Amino acid sequence: MKKAVLTADEAVALIKDGSMVAIDGFVSIGHPEELTVALEKRFMATGQPRNLSLVYAAGQGDSTAKKVIFCGTFTANGLGVEVQDGKLEILQEGKIPKLVKNVEHITFSGSYARKKGQKVWYVTERAVFALGEQGLVLEEIAPGVDLEKDILARMDFKPIISESLKFMDAKLFHPELMKITEDLNERCAAK
């Protein structure tokens, strides 16, 4: 049986050159400092990993990026999930919804992003939304998640449901490594 919890050093040892590192939290609230310290320590000792991409869940302000991807959990404060057999199971729902109609402080403006032609996505453990012309569009849901109970009932507003709504890749919902590089190499070789 694999360990369910890794030390910071064990976790950063899994990060390879060219990886994308996603950090949840807002600005520095909830930032996993032990992990970034361990990552820095590893890099200073070995020079690895190199060429990382950072995805950080915070407002992007007047960004010139063509694509903006926000990553985080669907709810906060107590969320408990488990992945098993290619499905997501919500063990305990978070007490605080994140996808709400009104917010206290705006750090990112969707309407401004649309005017600038930016493509914007919001990726959570259970759903993927895209910013469309008419609002937030639900594009994908996690296998094992109930659309009505686990997503729509937990939002202050009803998103637009994509006509091509699909399940997120089941590969995401297995405990073993996804081996994305191998998959991409195979696809490229086949073309």
Protein backbone atom coordinates (compact mmCIF):
# COMPACT_ATOMS: atom_id res chain seq x y z
CA MET A 1 0.00 0.00 0.00
CA LYS A 2 1.32 3.44 -0.93
CA LYS A 3 1.73 6.15 1.67
CA ALA A 4 -1.20 8.57 1.71
CA VAL A 5 0.91 11.46 3.06
CA LEU A 6 4.38 12.41 1.88
CA THR A 7 6.96 14.58 3.56
CA ALA A 8 7.80 17.84 1.76
CA ASP A 9 11.13 16.35 0.62
CA GLU A 10 9.42 13.20 -0.72
CA ALA A 11 6.84 15.30 -2.57
CA VAL A 12 9.35 17.60 -4.28
CA ALA A 13 11.48 14.58 -5.24
CA LEU A 14 8.60 13.65 -7.59
CA ILE A 15 8.85 16.95 -9.50
CA LYS A 16 10.70 16.50 -12.78
CA ASP A 17 12.27 19.05 -15.14
CA GLY A 18 9.60 20.86 -17.16
CA SER A 19 6.79 20.06 -14.72
CA MET A 20 3.84 22.31 -14.03
CA VAL A 21 3.52 23.10 -10.32
CA ALA A 22 0.07 24.24 -9.16
CA ILE A 23 -0.27 25.98 -5.81
CA ASP A 24 -3.62 26.52 -4.15
CA GLY A 25 -4.36 29.31 -1.72
CA PHE A 26 -4.81 33.02 -2.26
CA VAL A 27 -1.73 35.20 -2.46
CA SER A 28 0.19 33.72 0.48
CA ILE A 29 -2.78 32.53 2.53
CA GLY A 30 -2.73 28.75 2.56
CA HIS A 31 0.50 28.64 0.58
CA PRO A 32 2.34 25.35 1.26
CA GLU A 33 5.58 27.02 2.38
CA GLU A 34 7.21 23.76 3.46
CA LEU A 35 6.95 22.49 -0.11
CA THR A 36 8.45 25.57 -1.73
CA VAL A 37 11.25 25.62 0.85
CA ALA A 38 11.95 21.92 0.12
CA LEU A 39 11.84 22.63 -3.62
CA GLU A 40 14.33 25.48 -3.25
CA LYS A 41 16.58 23.32 -1.05
CA ARG A 42 16.54 20.54 -3.65
CA PHE A 43 17.31 22.95 -6.49
CA MET A 44 20.17 24.61 -4.61
CA ALA A 45 21.69 21.19 -3.82
CA THR A 46 21.20 19.49 -7.21
CA GLY A 47 20.27 22.14 -9.81
CA GLN A 48 17.03 20.21 -10.39
CA PRO A 49 14.23 20.51 -11.30
CA ARG A 50 14.57 23.08 -14.09
CA ASN A 51 12.11 24.85 -16.39
CA LEU A 52 9.08 24.65 -14.11
CA SER A 53 5.75 26.32 -14.90
CA LEU A 54 3.93 27.77 -11.92
CA VAL A 55 0.15 27.91 -11.73
CA TYR A 56 -0.84 30.06 -8.77
CA ALA A 57 -4.41 30.74 -7.65
CA ALA A 58 -4.51 34.51 -7.25
CA GLY A 59 -5.74 37.52 -9.16
CA GLN A 60 -3.78 38.28 -12.28
CA GLY A 61 -4.53 42.00 -12.47
CA ASP A 62 -3.63 43.61 -15.80
CA SER A 63 -1.93 40.49 -17.13
CA THR A 64 -0.77 40.31 -20.73
CA ALA A 65 -1.13 36.52 -20.73
CA LYS A 66 -3.23 35.10 -23.56
CA LYS A 67 -4.49 32.30 -21.30
CA VAL A 68 -5.27 32.46 -17.59
CA ILE A 69 -5.92 29.28 -15.62
CA PHE A 70 -7.09 29.46 -12.01
CA CYS A 71 -6.62 26.26 -10.03
CA GLY A 72 -8.13 25.54 -6.65
CA THR A 73 -10.76 23.58 -4.81
CA PHE A 74 -14.48 24.05 -5.48
CA THR A 75 -15.22 24.74 -1.80
CA ALA A 76 -13.07 25.67 1.19
CA ASN A 77 -12.84 24.96 4.91
CA GLY A 78 -13.16 21.24 5.49
CA LEU A 79 -13.30 19.74 2.00
CA GLY A 80 -12.27 16.10 1.99
CA VAL A 81 -11.94 14.09 -1.22
CA GLU A 82 -10.57 10.75 -2.30
CA VAL A 83 -9.73 9.34 -5.71
CA GLN A 84 -10.44 5.70 -6.32
CA ASP A 85 -11.03 3.54 -9.39
CA GLY A 86 -10.89 6.52 -11.75
CA LYS A 87 -13.51 8.51 -9.85
CA LEU A 88 -13.63 11.38 -7.37
CA GLU A 89 -15.45 10.78 -4.12
CA ILE A 90 -16.39 13.74 -1.95
CA LEU A 91 -16.01 12.51 1.62
CA GLN A 92 -16.82 15.84 3.27
CA GLU A 93 -17.99 19.01 1.60
CA GLY A 94 -16.24 22.29 2.34
CA LYS A 95 -18.26 24.81 4.36
CA ILE A 96 -17.45 27.84 2.19
CA PRO A 97 -18.50 28.02 -1.47
CA LYS A 98 -16.03 29.70 -3.81
CA LEU A 99 -18.13 30.12 -6.95
CA VAL A 100 -20.49 32.86 -5.82
CA LYS A 101 -22.48 35.61 -7.53
CA ASN A 102 -21.06 38.51 -5.51
CA VAL A 103 -17.58 38.94 -4.05
CA GLU A 104 -16.16 41.42 -1.55
CA HIS A 105 -13.00 42.24 -3.49
CA ILE A 106 -12.17 41.91 -7.18
CA THR A 107 -8.65 40.82 -8.03
CA PHE A 108 -9.47 39.58 -11.52
CA SER A 109 -12.13 40.94 -13.87
CA GLY A 110 -13.67 38.43 -16.25
CA SER A 111 -15.31 41.14 -18.34
CA TYR A 112 -11.97 42.93 -18.69
CA ALA A 113 -10.29 39.64 -19.65
CA ARG A 114 -12.96 39.06 -22.33
CA LYS A 115 -12.39 42.56 -23.75
CA LYS A 116 -8.66 41.82 -23.95
CA GLY A 117 -9.32 38.52 -25.71
CA GLN A 118 -7.90 36.39 -22.89
CA LYS A 119 -8.98 32.76 -22.60
CA VAL A 120 -9.82 32.02 -18.96
CA TRP A 121 -10.38 28.69 -17.22
CA TYR A 122 -11.23 27.78 -13.64
CA VAL A 123 -10.09 24.24 -12.76
CA THR A 124 -11.22 22.55 -9.56
CA GLU A 125 -11.08 18.98 -8.27
CA ARG A 126 -14.60 18.34 -9.57
CA ALA A 127 -15.23 20.70 -12.48
CA VAL A 128 -13.64 22.76 -15.23
CA PHE A 129 -15.23 26.07 -16.22
CA ALA A 130 -14.37 28.38 -19.10
CA LEU A 131 -15.19 32.07 -19.21
CA GLY A 132 -17.59 32.45 -22.13
CA GLU A 133 -19.17 35.50 -23.75
CA GLN A 134 -22.33 35.11 -21.64
CA GLY A 135 -20.70 33.97 -18.40
CA LEU A 136 -19.14 30.92 -16.81
CA VAL A 137 -19.48 27.73 -18.90
CA LEU A 138 -19.25 24.31 -17.26
CA GLU A 139 -17.08 22.29 -19.65
CA GLU A 140 -16.07 19.16 -17.70
CA ILE A 141 -17.01 17.32 -14.52
CA ALA A 142 -15.09 14.69 -12.58
CA PRO A 143 -16.16 11.06 -12.93
CA GLY A 144 -18.10 10.06 -9.81
CA VAL A 145 -19.46 13.57 -9.22
CA ASP A 146 -23.20 14.27 -9.37
CA LEU A 147 -23.77 17.36 -11.53
CA GLU A 148 -26.81 18.60 -9.61
CA LYS A 149 -25.85 17.67 -6.02
CA ASP A 150 -22.08 18.25 -6.08
CA ILE A 151 -21.81 21.22 -8.45
CA LEU A 152 -24.99 23.16 -9.29
CA ALA A 153 -26.49 22.99 -5.77
CA ARG A 154 -23.21 24.38 -4.37
CA MET A 155 -23.16 27.51 -6.54
CA ASP A 156 -24.92 30.86 -5.97
CA PHE A 157 -25.67 31.09 -9.69
CA LYS A 158 -26.36 28.69 -12.53
CA PRO A 159 -23.49 28.40 -14.99
CA ILE A 160 -24.04 27.80 -18.67
CA ILE A 161 -23.81 24.04 -19.26
CA SER A 162 -21.74 23.28 -22.34
CA GLU A 163 -23.57 21.33 -25.03
CA SER A 164 -20.44 19.17 -25.18
CA LEU A 165 -20.15 18.67 -21.39
CA LYS A 166 -17.77 15.78 -20.77
CA PHE A 167 -16.00 13.96 -17.99
CA MET A 168 -12.53 15.01 -16.94
CA ASP A 169 -9.88 12.47 -17.94
CA ALA A 170 -10.22 9.47 -15.59
CA LYS A 171 -6.40 9.36 -15.50
CA LEU A 172 -6.57 12.30 -13.10
CA PHE A 173 -8.43 10.17 -10.58
CA HIS A 174 -5.95 7.39 -9.93
CA PRO A 175 -3.29 7.55 -7.21
CA GLU A 176 -0.42 6.59 -9.51
CA LEU A 177 1.52 9.06 -11.65
CA MET A 178 -0.24 10.01 -14.89
CA LYS A 179 2.81 9.64 -17.17
CA ILE A 180 1.72 12.56 -19.32
CA THR A 181 5.10 12.83 -21.03
CA GLU A 182 4.91 9.23 -22.23
CA ASP A 183 1.36 9.77 -23.55
CA LEU A 184 2.38 12.91 -25.43
CA ASN A 185 5.43 11.19 -26.92
CA GLU A 186 3.25 8.29 -28.10
CA ARG A 187 0.72 10.67 -29.68
CA CYS A 188 3.46 12.64 -31.43
CA ALA A 189 5.11 9.46 -32.72
CA ALA A 190 1.78 8.23 -34.10
CA LYS A 191 1.30 11.38 -36.21
